[in-house]
PDB file of N, CA and C in Angstrom:
ATOM      1  N   MET A   1      85.860 157.918 151.396  1.00  0.00           N
ATOM      2  CA  MET A   1      84.842 157.045 150.876  1.00  0.00           C
ATOM      3  C   MET A   1      83.925 156.655 152.047  1.00  0.00           C
ATOM      4  N   THR A   2      82.664 156.703 151.777  1.00  0.00           N
ATOM      5  CA  THR A   2      81.716 156.429 152.860  1.00  0.00           C
ATOM      6  C   THR A   2      81.521 154.928 153.008  1.00  0.00           C
ATOM      7  N   ARG A   3      80.939 154.611 154.122  1.00  0.00           N
ATOM      8  CA  ARG A   3      80.717 153.208 154.420  1.00  0.00           C
ATOM      9  C   ARG A   3      79.785 152.570 153.383  1.00  0.00           C
ATOM     10  N   ARG A   4      78.804 153.336 152.954  1.00  0.00           N
ATOM     11  CA  ARG A   4      77.851 152.821 151.974  1.00  0.00           C
ATOM     12  C   ARG A   4      78.547 152.557 150.639  1.00  0.00           C
ATOM     13  N   ASN A   5      79.434 153.445 150.195  1.00  0.00           N
ATOM     14  CA  ASN A   5      80.162 153.270 148.932  1.00  0.00           C
ATOM     15  C   ASN A   5      81.095 152.055 149.008  1.00  0.00           C
ATOM     16  N   ARG A   6      81.740 151.883 150.148  1.00  0.00           N
ATOM     17  CA  ARG A   6      82.605 150.713 150.315  1.00  0.00           C
ATOM     18  C   ARG A   6      81.788 149.423 150.220  1.00  0.00           C
ATOM     19  N   LEU A   7      80.631 149.415 150.834  1.00  0.00           N
ATOM     20  CA  LEU A   7      79.765 148.238 150.805  1.00  0.00           C
ATOM     21  C   LEU A   7      79.299 147.954 149.376  1.00  0.00           C
ATOM     22  N   LEU A   8      78.935 148.983 148.625  1.00  0.00           N
ATOM     23  CA  LEU A   8      78.519 148.806 147.224  1.00  0.00           C
ATOM     24  C   LEU A   8      79.695 148.317 146.365  1.00  0.00           C
ATOM     25  N   LEU A   9      80.877 148.840 146.605  1.00  0.00           N
ATOM     26  CA  LEU A   9      82.068 148.389 145.867  1.00  0.00           C
ATOM     27  C   LEU A   9      82.367 146.925 146.165  1.00  0.00           C
ATOM     28  N   LEU A  10      82.258 146.533 147.422  1.00  0.00           N
ATOM     29  CA  LEU A  10      82.492 145.136 147.810  1.00  0.00           C
ATOM     30  C   LEU A  10      81.461 144.212 147.178  1.00  0.00           C
ATOM     31  N   VAL A  11      80.193 144.623 147.166  1.00  0.00           N
ATOM     32  CA  VAL A  11      79.140 143.826 146.539  1.00  0.00           C
ATOM     33  C   VAL A  11      79.396 143.705 145.034  1.00  0.00           C
ATOM     34  N   ALA A  12      79.830 144.771 144.378  1.00  0.00           N
ATOM     35  CA  ALA A  12      80.113 144.742 142.934  1.00  0.00           C
ATOM     36  C   ALA A  12      81.285 143.799 142.627  1.00  0.00           C
ATOM     37  N   ILE A  13      82.347 143.869 143.451  1.00  0.00           N
ATOM     38  CA  ILE A  13      83.508 142.986 143.243  1.00  0.00           C
ATOM     39  C   ILE A  13      83.109 141.530 143.441  1.00  0.00           C
ATOM     40  N   LEU A  14      82.311 141.255 144.475  1.00  0.00           N
ATOM     41  CA  LEU A  14      81.838 139.885 144.709  1.00  0.00           C
ATOM     42  C   LEU A  14      80.952 139.408 143.573  1.00  0.00           C
ATOM     43  N   ALA A  15      80.126 140.304 143.013  1.00  0.00           N
ATOM     44  CA  ALA A  15      79.260 139.930 141.888  1.00  0.00           C
ATOM     45  C   ALA A  15      80.097 139.597 140.655  1.00  0.00           C
ATOM     46  N   VAL A  16      81.107 140.410 140.377  1.00  0.00           N
ATOM     47  CA  VAL A  16      81.990 140.144 139.223  1.00  0.00           C
ATOM     48  C   VAL A  16      82.739 138.831 139.434  1.00  0.00           C
ATOM     49  N   ALA A  17      83.251 138.584 140.647  1.00  0.00           N
ATOM     50  CA  ALA A  17      83.971 137.334 140.943  1.00  0.00           C
ATOM     51  C   ALA A  17      83.045 136.137 140.807  1.00  0.00           C
ATOM     52  N   ALA A  18      81.826 136.259 141.275  1.00  0.00           N
ATOM     53  CA  ALA A  18      80.863 135.153 141.162  1.00  0.00           C
ATOM     54  C   ALA A  18      80.518 134.895 139.704  1.00  0.00           C
ATOM     55  N   ALA A  19      80.343 135.950 138.909  1.00  0.00           N
ATOM     56  CA  ALA A  19      80.037 135.785 137.486  1.00  0.00           C
ATOM     57  C   ALA A  19      81.207 135.129 136.754  1.00  0.00           C
ATOM     58  N   ALA A  20      82.441 135.523 137.096  1.00  0.00           N
ATOM     59  CA  ALA A  20      83.622 134.922 136.468  1.00  0.00           C
ATOM     60  C   ALA A  20      83.749 133.454 136.856  1.00  0.00           C
ATOM     61  N   ALA A  21      83.529 133.134 138.120  1.00  0.00           N
ATOM     62  CA  ALA A  21      83.594 131.740 138.567  1.00  0.00           C
ATOM     63  C   ALA A  21      82.531 130.906 137.877  1.00  0.00           C
ATOM     64  N   TRP A  22      81.317 131.448 137.728  1.00  0.00           N
ATOM     65  CA  TRP A  22      80.245 130.714 137.072  1.00  0.00           C
ATOM     66  C   TRP A  22      80.571 130.501 135.580  1.00  0.00           C
ATOM     67  N   ALA A  23      81.144 131.514 134.919  1.00  0.00           N
ATOM     68  CA  ALA A  23      81.463 131.424 133.489  1.00  0.00           C
ATOM     69  C   ALA A  23      82.625 130.462 133.232  1.00  0.00           C
ATOM     70  N   LEU A  24      83.558 130.363 134.161  1.00  0.00           N
ATOM     71  CA  LEU A  24      84.743 129.527 133.952  1.00  0.00           C
ATOM     72  C   LEU A  24      84.646 128.156 134.611  1.00  0.00           C
ATOM     73  N   ARG A  25      83.490 127.806 135.139  1.00  0.00           N
ATOM     74  CA  ARG A  25      83.363 126.510 135.804  1.00  0.00           C
ATOM     75  C   ARG A  25      83.472 125.390 134.760  1.00  0.00           C
ATOM     76  N   PRO A  26      84.019 124.243 135.142  1.00  0.00           N
ATOM     77  CA  PRO A  26      84.115 123.130 134.183  1.00  0.00           C
ATOM     78  C   PRO A  26      82.738 122.553 133.887  1.00  0.00           C
ATOM     79  N   ARG A  27      82.505 122.313 132.625  1.00  0.00           N
ATOM     80  CA  ARG A  27      81.216 121.775 132.224  1.00  0.00           C
ATOM     81  C   ARG A  27      81.354 120.264 132.018  1.00  0.00           C
ATOM     82  N   PRO A  28      80.347 119.503 132.353  1.00  0.00           N
ATOM     83  CA  PRO A  28      80.431 118.044 132.164  1.00  0.00           C
ATOM     84  C   PRO A  28      80.440 117.698 130.677  1.00  0.00           C
ATOM     85  N   ILE A  29      81.176 116.635 130.363  1.00  0.00           N
ATOM     86  CA  ILE A  29      81.277 116.164 128.979  1.00  0.00           C
ATOM     87  C   ILE A  29      80.513 114.855 128.877  1.00  0.00           C
ATOM     88  N   MET A  30      79.692 114.734 127.867  1.00  0.00           N
ATOM     89  CA  MET A  30      78.912 113.526 127.674  1.00  0.00           C
ATOM     90  C   MET A  30      79.809 112.430 127.100  1.00  0.00           C
ATOM     91  N   VAL A  31      79.804 111.275 127.725  1.00  0.00           N
ATOM     92  CA  VAL A  31      80.588 110.130 127.270  1.00  0.00           C
ATOM     93  C   VAL A  31      79.708 108.894 127.276  1.00  0.00           C
ATOM     94  N   GLU A  32      80.124 107.908 126.508  1.00  0.00           N
ATOM     95  CA  GLU A  32      79.424 106.633 126.514  1.00  0.00           C
ATOM     96  C   GLU A  32      80.096 105.723 127.527  1.00  0.00           C
ATOM     97  N   THR A  33      79.332 104.968 128.246  1.00  0.00           N
ATOM     98  CA  THR A  33      79.877 104.039 129.228  1.00  0.00           C
ATOM     99  C   THR A  33      79.380 102.639 128.919  1.00  0.00           C
ATOM    100  N   ALA A  34      80.167 101.648 129.352  1.00  0.00           N
ATOM    101  CA  ALA A  34      79.791 100.255 129.159  1.00  0.00           C
ATOM    102  C   ALA A  34      80.432  99.442 130.275  1.00  0.00           C
ATOM    103  N   ALA A  35      79.915  98.263 130.480  1.00  0.00           N
ATOM    104  CA  ALA A  35      80.473  97.378 131.503  1.00  0.00           C
ATOM    105  C   ALA A  35      81.713  96.682 130.955  1.00  0.00           C
ATOM    106  N   VAL A  36      82.715  96.517 131.792  1.00  0.00           N
ATOM    107  CA  VAL A  36      83.958  95.866 131.397  1.00  0.00           C
ATOM    108  C   VAL A  36      83.981  94.470 131.994  1.00  0.00           C
ATOM    109  N   THR A  37      84.307  93.489 131.154  1.00  0.00           N
ATOM    110  CA  THR A  37      84.410  92.113 131.642  1.00  0.00           C
ATOM    111  C   THR A  37      85.783  91.572 131.313  1.00  0.00           C
ATOM    112  N   ARG A  38      86.263  90.650 132.116  1.00  0.00           N
ATOM    113  CA  ARG A  38      87.573  90.044 131.902  1.00  0.00           C
ATOM    114  C   ARG A  38      87.376  88.773 131.084  1.00  0.00           C
ATOM    115  N   GLY A  39      88.236  88.583 130.071  1.00  0.00           N
ATOM    116  CA  GLY A  39      88.134  87.396 129.235  1.00  0.00           C
ATOM    117  C   GLY A  39      89.399  87.229 128.412  1.00  0.00           C
ATOM    118  N   ALA A  40      89.453  86.181 127.638  1.00  0.00           N
ATOM    119  CA  ALA A  40      90.617  85.916 126.793  1.00  0.00           C
ATOM    120  C   ALA A  40      90.578  86.808 125.559  1.00  0.00           C
ATOM    121  N   LEU A  41      91.763  87.252 125.121  1.00  0.00           N
ATOM    122  CA  LEU A  41      91.866  88.075 123.923  1.00  0.00           C
ATOM    123  C   LEU A  41      91.906  87.156 122.713  1.00  0.00           C
ATOM    124  N   GLU A  42      91.033  87.371 121.802  1.00  0.00           N
ATOM    125  CA  GLU A  42      90.989  86.572 120.584  1.00  0.00           C
ATOM    126  C   GLU A  42      91.105  87.497 119.386  1.00  0.00           C
ATOM    127  N   GLN A  43      92.026  87.146 118.487  1.00  0.00           N
ATOM    128  CA  GLN A  43      92.210  87.948 117.292  1.00  0.00           C
ATOM    129  C   GLN A  43      92.511  87.001 116.147  1.00  0.00           C
ATOM    130  N   THR A  44      91.919  87.242 115.002  1.00  0.00           N
ATOM    131  CA  THR A  44      92.139  86.379 113.848  1.00  0.00           C
ATOM    132  C   THR A  44      92.749  87.198 112.719  1.00  0.00           C
ATOM    133  N   VAL A  45      93.578  86.540 111.927  1.00  0.00           N
ATOM    134  CA  VAL A  45      94.183  87.150 110.746  1.00  0.00           C
ATOM    135  C   VAL A  45      93.589  86.434 109.547  1.00  0.00           C
ATOM    136  N   SER A  46      92.967  87.193 108.681  1.00  0.00           N
ATOM    137  CA  SER A  46      92.261  86.568 107.562  1.00  0.00           C
ATOM    138  C   SER A  46      93.008  86.679 106.238  1.00  0.00           C
ATOM    139  N   GLU A  47      94.224  87.227 106.261  1.00  0.00           N
ATOM    140  CA  GLU A  47      94.984  87.358 105.025  1.00  0.00           C
ATOM    141  C   GLU A  47      96.299  86.618 105.146  1.00  0.00           C
ATOM    142  N   ASP A  48      96.797  86.137 104.011  1.00  0.00           N
ATOM    143  CA  ASP A  48      98.085  85.459 103.981  1.00  0.00           C
ATOM    144  C   ASP A  48      99.173  86.485 103.722  1.00  0.00           C
ATOM    145  N   GLY A  49     100.328  86.227 104.267  1.00  0.00           N
ATOM    146  CA  GLY A  49     101.463  87.123 104.054  1.00  0.00           C
ATOM    147  C   GLY A  49     102.723  86.320 103.771  1.00  0.00           C
ATOM    148  N   MET A  50     103.762  87.022 103.381  1.00  0.00           N
ATOM    149  CA  MET A  50     105.034  86.365 103.116  1.00  0.00           C
ATOM    150  C   MET A  50     106.098  87.036 103.968  1.00  0.00           C
ATOM    151  N   THR A  51     106.879  86.247 104.658  1.00  0.00           N
ATOM    152  CA  THR A  51     107.919  86.773 105.527  1.00  0.00           C
ATOM    153  C   THR A  51     109.215  86.921 104.744  1.00  0.00           C
ATOM    154  N   ARG A  52     109.841  88.058 104.907  1.00  0.00           N
ATOM    155  CA  ARG A  52     111.146  88.282 104.294  1.00  0.00           C
ATOM    156  C   ARG A  52     112.143  88.551 105.415  1.00  0.00           C
ATOM    157  N   VAL A  53     112.956  87.569 105.716  1.00  0.00           N
ATOM    158  CA  VAL A  53     113.921  87.693 106.801  1.00  0.00           C
ATOM    159  C   VAL A  53     115.262  88.105 106.211  1.00  0.00           C
ATOM    160  N   ARG A  54     115.837  89.122 106.799  1.00  0.00           N
ATOM    161  CA  ARG A  54     117.162  89.569 106.373  1.00  0.00           C
ATOM    162  C   ARG A  54     118.082  89.494 107.580  1.00  0.00           C
ATOM    163  N   ASP A  55     119.025  88.599 107.533  1.00  0.00           N
ATOM    164  CA  ASP A  55     120.012  88.512 108.602  1.00  0.00           C
ATOM    165  C   ASP A  55     121.189  89.387 108.200  1.00  0.00           C
ATOM    166  N   ARG A  56     121.275  90.556 108.802  1.00  0.00           N
ATOM    167  CA  ARG A  56     122.369  91.482 108.523  1.00  0.00           C
ATOM    168  C   ARG A  56     123.267  91.537 109.739  1.00  0.00           C
ATOM    169  N   TYR A  57     124.526  91.623 109.496  1.00  0.00           N
ATOM    170  CA  TYR A  57     125.531  91.687 110.547  1.00  0.00           C
ATOM    171  C   TYR A  57     126.417  92.881 110.240  1.00  0.00           C
ATOM    172  N   VAL A  58     126.563  93.783 111.188  1.00  0.00           N
ATOM    173  CA  VAL A  58     127.379  94.978 110.984  1.00  0.00           C
ATOM    174  C   VAL A  58     128.703  94.794 111.711  1.00  0.00           C
ATOM    175  N   VAL A  59     129.786  94.946 110.971  1.00  0.00           N
ATOM    176  CA  VAL A  59     131.122  94.884 111.561  1.00  0.00           C
ATOM    177  C   VAL A  59     131.507  96.311 111.920  1.00  0.00           C
ATOM    178  N   SER A  60     131.821  96.536 113.195  1.00  0.00           N
ATOM    179  CA  SER A  60     132.207  97.880 113.632  1.00  0.00           C
ATOM    180  C   SER A  60     133.646  97.864 114.123  1.00  0.00           C
ATOM    181  N   ALA A  61     134.234  99.038 114.203  1.00  0.00           N
ATOM    182  CA  ALA A  61     135.645  99.168 114.587  1.00  0.00           C
ATOM    183  C   ALA A  61     135.811  98.863 116.077  1.00  0.00           C
ATOM    184  N   PRO A  62     136.680  97.897 116.419  1.00  0.00           N
ATOM    185  CA  PRO A  62     136.894  97.571 117.821  1.00  0.00           C
ATOM    186  C   PRO A  62     137.818  98.565 118.524  1.00  0.00           C
ATOM    187  N   LEU A  63     138.456  99.445 117.771  1.00  0.00           N
ATOM    188  CA  LEU A  63     139.332 100.461 118.340  1.00  0.00           C
ATOM    189  C   LEU A  63     139.440 101.638 117.376  1.00  0.00           C
ATOM    190  N   ALA A  64     139.883 102.766 117.892  1.00  0.00           N
ATOM    191  CA  ALA A  64     140.068 103.950 117.045  1.00  0.00           C
ATOM    192  C   ALA A  64     141.404 103.837 116.331  1.00  0.00           C
ATOM    193  N   GLY A  65     141.453 104.287 115.117  1.00  0.00           N
ATOM    194  CA  GLY A  65     142.693 104.224 114.339  1.00  0.00           C
ATOM    195  C   GLY A  65     142.451 104.701 112.927  1.00  0.00           C
ATOM    196  N   ARG A  66     143.258 104.159 112.012  1.00  0.00           N
ATOM    197  CA  ARG A  66     143.151 104.530 110.597  1.00  0.00           C
ATOM    198  C   ARG A  66     143.097 103.260 109.772  1.00  0.00           C
ATOM    199  N   ILE A  67     142.163 103.203 108.840  1.00  0.00           N
ATOM    200  CA  ILE A  67     142.022 102.038 107.966  1.00  0.00           C
ATOM    201  C   ILE A  67     143.234 101.993 107.037  1.00  0.00           C
ATOM    202  N   GLU A  68     143.902 100.851 107.017  1.00  0.00           N
ATOM    203  CA  GLU A  68     145.070 100.699 106.142  1.00  0.00           C
ATOM    204  C   GLU A  68     144.692 100.066 104.810  1.00  0.00           C
ATOM    205  N   ARG A  69     143.964  98.960 104.864  1.00  0.00           N
ATOM    206  CA  ARG A  69     143.665  98.255 103.620  1.00  0.00           C
ATOM    207  C   ARG A  69     142.258  97.699 103.638  1.00  0.00           C
ATOM    208  N   VAL A  70     141.492  98.063 102.636  1.00  0.00           N
ATOM    209  CA  VAL A  70     140.195  97.438 102.389  1.00  0.00           C
ATOM    210  C   VAL A  70     140.289  96.859 100.990  1.00  0.00           C
ATOM    211  N   GLN A  71     140.315  95.533 100.897  1.00  0.00           N
ATOM    212  CA  GLN A  71     140.480  94.894  99.592  1.00  0.00           C
ATOM    213  C   GLN A  71     139.179  94.284  99.088  1.00  0.00           C
ATOM    214  N   LEU A  72     138.103  94.535  99.783  1.00  0.00           N
ATOM    215  CA  LEU A  72     136.825  93.939  99.411  1.00  0.00           C
ATOM    216  C   LEU A  72     135.923  94.960  98.737  1.00  0.00           C
ATOM    217  N   GLU A  73     134.947  94.452  98.023  1.00  0.00           N
ATOM    218  CA  GLU A  73     133.942  95.289  97.387  1.00  0.00           C
ATOM    219  C   GLU A  73     132.567  94.729  97.722  1.00  0.00           C
ATOM    220  N   ALA A  74     131.545  95.541  97.577  1.00  0.00           N
ATOM    221  CA  ALA A  74     130.176  95.081  97.824  1.00  0.00           C
ATOM    222  C   ALA A  74     129.861  93.930  96.873  1.00  0.00           C
ATOM    223  N   GLY A  75     129.282  92.866  97.418  1.00  0.00           N
ATOM    224  CA  GLY A  75     128.960  91.692  96.618  1.00  0.00           C
ATOM    225  C   GLY A  75     129.958  90.566  96.781  1.00  0.00           C
ATOM    226  N   ASP A  76     131.127  90.836  97.367  1.00  0.00           N
ATOM    227  CA  ASP A  76     132.139  89.796  97.581  1.00  0.00           C
ATOM    228  C   ASP A  76     131.686  88.836  98.672  1.00  0.00           C
ATOM    229  N   ARG A  77     131.979  87.552  98.484  1.00  0.00           N
ATOM    230  CA  ARG A  77     131.691  86.545  99.507  1.00  0.00           C
ATOM    231  C   ARG A  77     132.871  86.474 100.461  1.00  0.00           C
ATOM    232  N   VAL A  78     132.567  86.307 101.746  1.00  0.00           N
ATOM    233  CA  VAL A  78     133.621  86.190 102.761  1.00  0.00           C
ATOM    234  C   VAL A  78     133.381  84.940 103.587  1.00  0.00           C
ATOM    235  N   LYS A  79     134.478  84.382 104.089  1.00  0.00           N
ATOM    236  CA  LYS A  79     134.433  83.185 104.933  1.00  0.00           C
ATOM    237  C   LYS A  79     134.672  83.598 106.375  1.00  0.00           C
ATOM    238  N   GLN A  80     134.292  82.736 107.287  1.00  0.00           N
ATOM    239  CA  GLN A  80     134.538  82.981 108.697  1.00  0.00           C
ATOM    240  C   GLN A  80     136.048  82.980 108.946  1.00  0.00           C
ATOM    241  N   GLY A  81     136.518  84.012 109.638  1.00  0.00           N
ATOM    242  CA  GLY A  81     137.942  84.135 109.929  1.00  0.00           C
ATOM    243  C   GLY A  81     138.737  84.892 108.877  1.00  0.00           C
ATOM    244  N   GLN A  82     138.120  85.249 107.765  1.00  0.00           N
ATOM    245  CA  GLN A  82     138.801  85.995 106.710  1.00  0.00           C
ATOM    246  C   GLN A  82     139.048  87.428 107.172  1.00  0.00           C
ATOM    247  N   VAL A  83     140.217  87.982 106.819  1.00  0.00           N
ATOM    248  CA  VAL A  83     140.554  89.358 107.190  1.00  0.00           C
ATOM    249  C   VAL A  83     139.764  90.312 106.296  1.00  0.00           C
ATOM    250  N   LEU A  84     138.989  91.201 106.931  1.00  0.00           N
ATOM    251  CA  LEU A  84     138.199  92.182 106.185  1.00  0.00           C
ATOM    252  C   LEU A  84     138.987  93.455 105.918  1.00  0.00           C
ATOM    253  N   CYS A  85     139.720  93.924 106.925  1.00  0.00           N
ATOM    254  CA  CYS A  85     140.527  95.120 106.764  1.00  0.00           C
ATOM    255  C   CYS A  85     141.577  95.150 107.870  1.00  0.00           C
ATOM    256  N   ILE A  86     142.462  96.111 107.781  1.00  0.00           N
ATOM    257  CA  ILE A  86     143.502  96.299 108.786  1.00  0.00           C
ATOM    258  C   ILE A  86     143.378  97.716 109.317  1.00  0.00           C
ATOM    259  N   ILE A  87     143.376  97.845 110.655  1.00  0.00           N
ATOM    260  CA  ILE A  87     143.313  99.151 111.298  1.00  0.00           C
ATOM    261  C   ILE A  87     144.642  99.409 111.984  1.00  0.00           C
ATOM    262  N   GLU A  88     145.260 100.562 111.650  1.00  0.00           N
ATOM    263  CA  GLU A  88     146.507 100.950 112.301  1.00  0.00           C
ATOM    264  C   GLU A  88     146.159 101.826 113.499  1.00  0.00           C
ATOM    265  N   ALA A  89     146.600 101.383 114.673  1.00  0.00           N
ATOM    266  CA  ALA A  89     146.388 102.157 115.890  1.00  0.00           C
ATOM    267  C   ALA A  89     147.709 102.196 116.645  1.00  0.00           C
ATOM    268  N   MET A  90     148.269 103.373 116.821  1.00  0.00           N
ATOM    269  CA  MET A  90     149.534 103.577 117.529  1.00  0.00           C
ATOM    270  C   MET A  90     150.650 102.713 116.938  1.00  0.00           C
ATOM    271  N   LYS A  91     150.765 102.737 115.616  1.00  0.00           N
ATOM    272  CA  LYS A  91     151.792 102.029 114.848  1.00  0.00           C
ATOM    273  C   LYS A  91     151.675 100.509 114.918  1.00  0.00           C
ATOM    274  N   LEU A  92     150.550  99.994 115.397  1.00  0.00           N
ATOM    275  CA  LEU A  92     150.294  98.552 115.401  1.00  0.00           C
ATOM    276  C   LEU A  92     149.216  98.251 114.377  1.00  0.00           C
ATOM    277  N   MET A  93     149.430  97.190 113.596  1.00  0.00           N
ATOM    278  CA  MET A  93     148.465  96.786 112.584  1.00  0.00           C
ATOM    279  C   MET A  93     147.544  95.727 113.175  1.00  0.00           C
ATOM    280  N   ASN A  94     146.238  96.022 113.218  1.00  0.00           N
ATOM    281  CA  ASN A  94     145.253  95.105 113.793  1.00  0.00           C
ATOM    282  C   ASN A  94     144.349  94.585 112.678  1.00  0.00           C
ATOM    283  N   GLU A  95     144.342  93.266 112.507  1.00  0.00           N
ATOM    284  CA  GLU A  95     143.498  92.663 111.480  1.00  0.00           C
ATOM    285  C   GLU A  95     142.087  92.493 112.020  1.00  0.00           C
ATOM    286  N   ILE A  96     141.104  92.928 111.249  1.00  0.00           N
ATOM    287  CA  ILE A  96     139.698  92.776 111.605  1.00  0.00           C
ATOM    288  C   ILE A  96     139.171  91.590 110.809  1.00  0.00           C
ATOM    289  N   GLU A  97     138.802  90.528 111.535  1.00  0.00           N
ATOM    290  CA  GLU A  97     138.363  89.295 110.888  1.00  0.00           C
ATOM    291  C   GLU A  97     136.847  89.194 110.906  1.00  0.00           C
ATOM    292  N   CYS A  98     136.332  88.421 109.963  1.00  0.00           N
ATOM    293  CA  CYS A  98     134.895  88.198 109.832  1.00  0.00           C
ATOM    294  C   CYS A  98     134.478  87.075 110.784  1.00  0.00           C
ATOM    295  N   ASP A  99     133.397  87.282 111.519  1.00  0.00           N
ATOM    296  CA  ASP A  99     132.909  86.271 112.463  1.00  0.00           C
ATOM    297  C   ASP A  99     131.936  85.289 111.817  1.00  0.00           C
ATOM    298  N   TYR A 100     131.363  85.658 110.677  1.00  0.00           N
ATOM    299  CA  TYR A 100     130.378  84.816 110.016  1.00  0.00           C
ATOM    300  C   TYR A 100     130.699  84.671 108.545  1.00  0.00           C
ATOM    301  N   GLU A 101     130.133  83.644 107.938  1.00  0.00           N
ATOM    302  CA  GLU A 101     130.251  83.466 106.498  1.00  0.00           C
ATOM    303  C   GLU A 101     129.076  84.186 105.849  1.00  0.00           C
ATOM    304  N   GLY A 102     129.341  84.897 104.776  1.00  0.00           N
ATOM    305  CA  GLY A 102     128.258  85.622 104.125  1.00  0.00           C
ATOM    306  C   GLY A 102     128.735  86.438 102.945  1.00  0.00           C
ATOM    307  N   GLU A 103     127.995  87.508 102.660  1.00  0.00           N
ATOM    308  CA  GLU A 103     128.280  88.363 101.505  1.00  0.00           C
ATOM    309  C   GLU A 103     128.337  89.812 101.980  1.00  0.00           C
ATOM    310  N   ILE A 104     129.317  90.567 101.481  1.00  0.00           N
ATOM    311  CA  ILE A 104     129.443  91.980 101.814  1.00  0.00           C
ATOM    312  C   ILE A 104     128.305  92.735 101.122  1.00  0.00           C
ATOM    313  N   VAL A 105     127.509  93.453 101.907  1.00  0.00           N
ATOM    314  CA  VAL A 105     126.397  94.222 101.356  1.00  0.00           C
ATOM    315  C   VAL A 105     126.799  95.680 101.175  1.00  0.00           C
ATOM    316  N   ALA A 106     127.514  96.227 102.157  1.00  0.00           N
ATOM    317  CA  ALA A 106     127.910  97.633 102.087  1.00  0.00           C
ATOM    318  C   ALA A 106     129.258  97.814 102.758  1.00  0.00           C
ATOM    319  N   ILE A 107     130.032  98.749 102.231  1.00  0.00           N
ATOM    320  CA  ILE A 107     131.315  99.135 102.827  1.00  0.00           C
ATOM    321  C   ILE A 107     131.186 100.614 103.183  1.00  0.00           C
ATOM    322  N   TYR A 108     131.401 100.925 104.451  1.00  0.00           N
ATOM    323  CA  TYR A 108     131.188 102.290 104.939  1.00  0.00           C
ATOM    324  C   TYR A 108     132.469 103.112 105.052  1.00  0.00           C
ATOM    325  N   VAL A 109     133.633 102.514 104.798  1.00  0.00           N
ATOM    326  CA  VAL A 109     134.909 103.216 104.967  1.00  0.00           C
ATOM    327  C   VAL A 109     135.762 103.083 103.712  1.00  0.00           C
ATOM    328  N   ASP A 110     136.723 103.986 103.581  1.00  0.00           N
ATOM    329  CA  ASP A 110     137.687 103.941 102.483  1.00  0.00           C
ATOM    330  C   ASP A 110     139.083 103.725 103.054  1.00  0.00           C
ATOM    331  N   ASN A 111     140.028 103.433 102.171  1.00  0.00           N
ATOM    332  CA  ASN A 111     141.420 103.291 102.599  1.00  0.00           C
ATOM    333  C   ASN A 111     141.941 104.611 103.164  1.00  0.00           C
ATOM    334  N   ALA A 112     142.789 104.520 104.183  1.00  0.00           N
ATOM    335  CA  ALA A 112     143.450 105.656 104.835  1.00  0.00           C
ATOM    336  C   ALA A 112     142.476 106.606 105.510  1.00  0.00           C
ATOM    337  N   GLN A 113     141.286 106.123 105.815  1.00  0.00           N
ATOM    338  CA  GLN A 113     140.287 106.947 106.492  1.00  0.00           C
ATOM    339  C   GLN A 113     140.381 106.704 108.001  1.00  0.00           C
ATOM    340  N   PRO A 114     140.371 107.760 108.823  1.00  0.00           N
ATOM    341  CA  PRO A 114     140.360 107.553 110.273  1.00  0.00           C
ATOM    342  C   PRO A 114     138.983 107.050 110.726  1.00  0.00           C
ATOM    343  N   VAL A 115     138.991 106.145 111.696  1.00  0.00           N
ATOM    344  CA  VAL A 115     137.751 105.603 112.243  1.00  0.00           C
ATOM    345  C   VAL A 115     137.771 105.722 113.763  1.00  0.00           C
ATOM    346  N   GLN A 116     136.593 105.829 114.344  1.00  0.00           N
ATOM    347  CA  GLN A 116     136.434 105.893 115.794  1.00  0.00           C
ATOM    348  C   GLN A 116     135.957 104.539 116.305  1.00  0.00           C
ATOM    349  N   TYR A 117     136.118 104.329 117.611  1.00  0.00           N
ATOM    350  CA  TYR A 117     135.644 103.102 118.238  1.00  0.00           C
ATOM    351  C   TYR A 117     134.137 102.969 118.021  1.00  0.00           C
ATOM    352  N   GLY A 118     133.698 101.809 117.562  1.00  0.00           N
ATOM    353  CA  GLY A 118     132.277 101.551 117.358  1.00  0.00           C
ATOM    354  C   GLY A 118     131.730 102.002 116.023  1.00  0.00           C
ATOM    355  N   GLU A 119     132.529 102.682 115.213  1.00  0.00           N
ATOM    356  CA  GLU A 119     132.061 103.130 113.894  1.00  0.00           C
ATOM    357  C   GLU A 119     131.881 101.924 112.990  1.00  0.00           C
ATOM    358  N   ARG A 120     130.797 101.909 112.211  1.00  0.00           N
ATOM    359  CA  ARG A 120     130.551 100.757 111.356  1.00  0.00           C
ATOM    360  C   ARG A 120     131.499 100.753 110.167  1.00  0.00           C
ATOM    361  N   LEU A 121     131.968  99.549 109.852  1.00  0.00           N
ATOM    362  CA  LEU A 121     132.914  99.386 108.757  1.00  0.00           C
ATOM    363  C   LEU A 121     132.263  98.672 107.566  1.00  0.00           C
ATOM    364  N   PHE A 122     131.578  97.554 107.848  1.00  0.00           N
ATOM    365  CA  PHE A 122     130.979  96.728 106.802  1.00  0.00           C
ATOM    366  C   PHE A 122     129.601  96.267 107.238  1.00  0.00           C
ATOM    367  N   ALA A 123     128.760  95.943 106.269  1.00  0.00           N
ATOM    368  CA  ALA A 123     127.491  95.244 106.520  1.00  0.00           C
ATOM    369  C   ALA A 123     127.536  93.939 105.762  1.00  0.00           C
ATOM    370  N   LEU A 124     127.233  92.849 106.467  1.00  0.00           N
ATOM    371  CA  LEU A 124     127.248  91.515 105.862  1.00  0.00           C
ATOM    372  C   LEU A 124     125.849  90.945 105.820  1.00  0.00           C
ATOM    373  N   LYS A 125     125.570  90.213 104.762  1.00  0.00           N
ATOM    374  CA  LYS A 125     124.354  89.426 104.685  1.00  0.00           C
ATOM    375  C   LYS A 125     124.783  88.015 105.067  1.00  0.00           C
ATOM    376  N   VAL A 126     124.345  87.584 106.253  1.00  0.00           N
ATOM    377  CA  VAL A 126     124.801  86.311 106.801  1.00  0.00           C
ATOM    378  C   VAL A 126     124.163  85.158 106.038  1.00  0.00           C
ATOM    379  N   LYS A 127     124.971  84.157 105.740  1.00  0.00           N
ATOM    380  CA  LYS A 127     124.502  83.004 104.976  1.00  0.00           C
ATOM    381  C   LYS A 127     123.733  82.053 105.847  1.00  0.00           C
TER     382      LYS A 127
END
């Protein structure tokens, strides 16, 4: 290849590179600008609403074992300290007591069902 051909090839490669760089250059994007000032945030609510508070309490298994007895049903009222169920763990019967007074909303376990630590057993609607 002659010196002249090499020079023409180099000029062609530089021209293609320059055209590619020009075609792929980032173009400016038009945006709106405004001055920012510091001040207090003010917001008004023009509609009335009604609050519905639900105090739910979930009783979960304090240890892994097997549920021995569930004598309650959804809708039953329970007192503080009342036994909700019994969990058998390593041949020991552990009574699970209610910490609050309220109403049983849901029962998540059945009799003779194995449970893991932290698994939910009951949902209470606290009075």
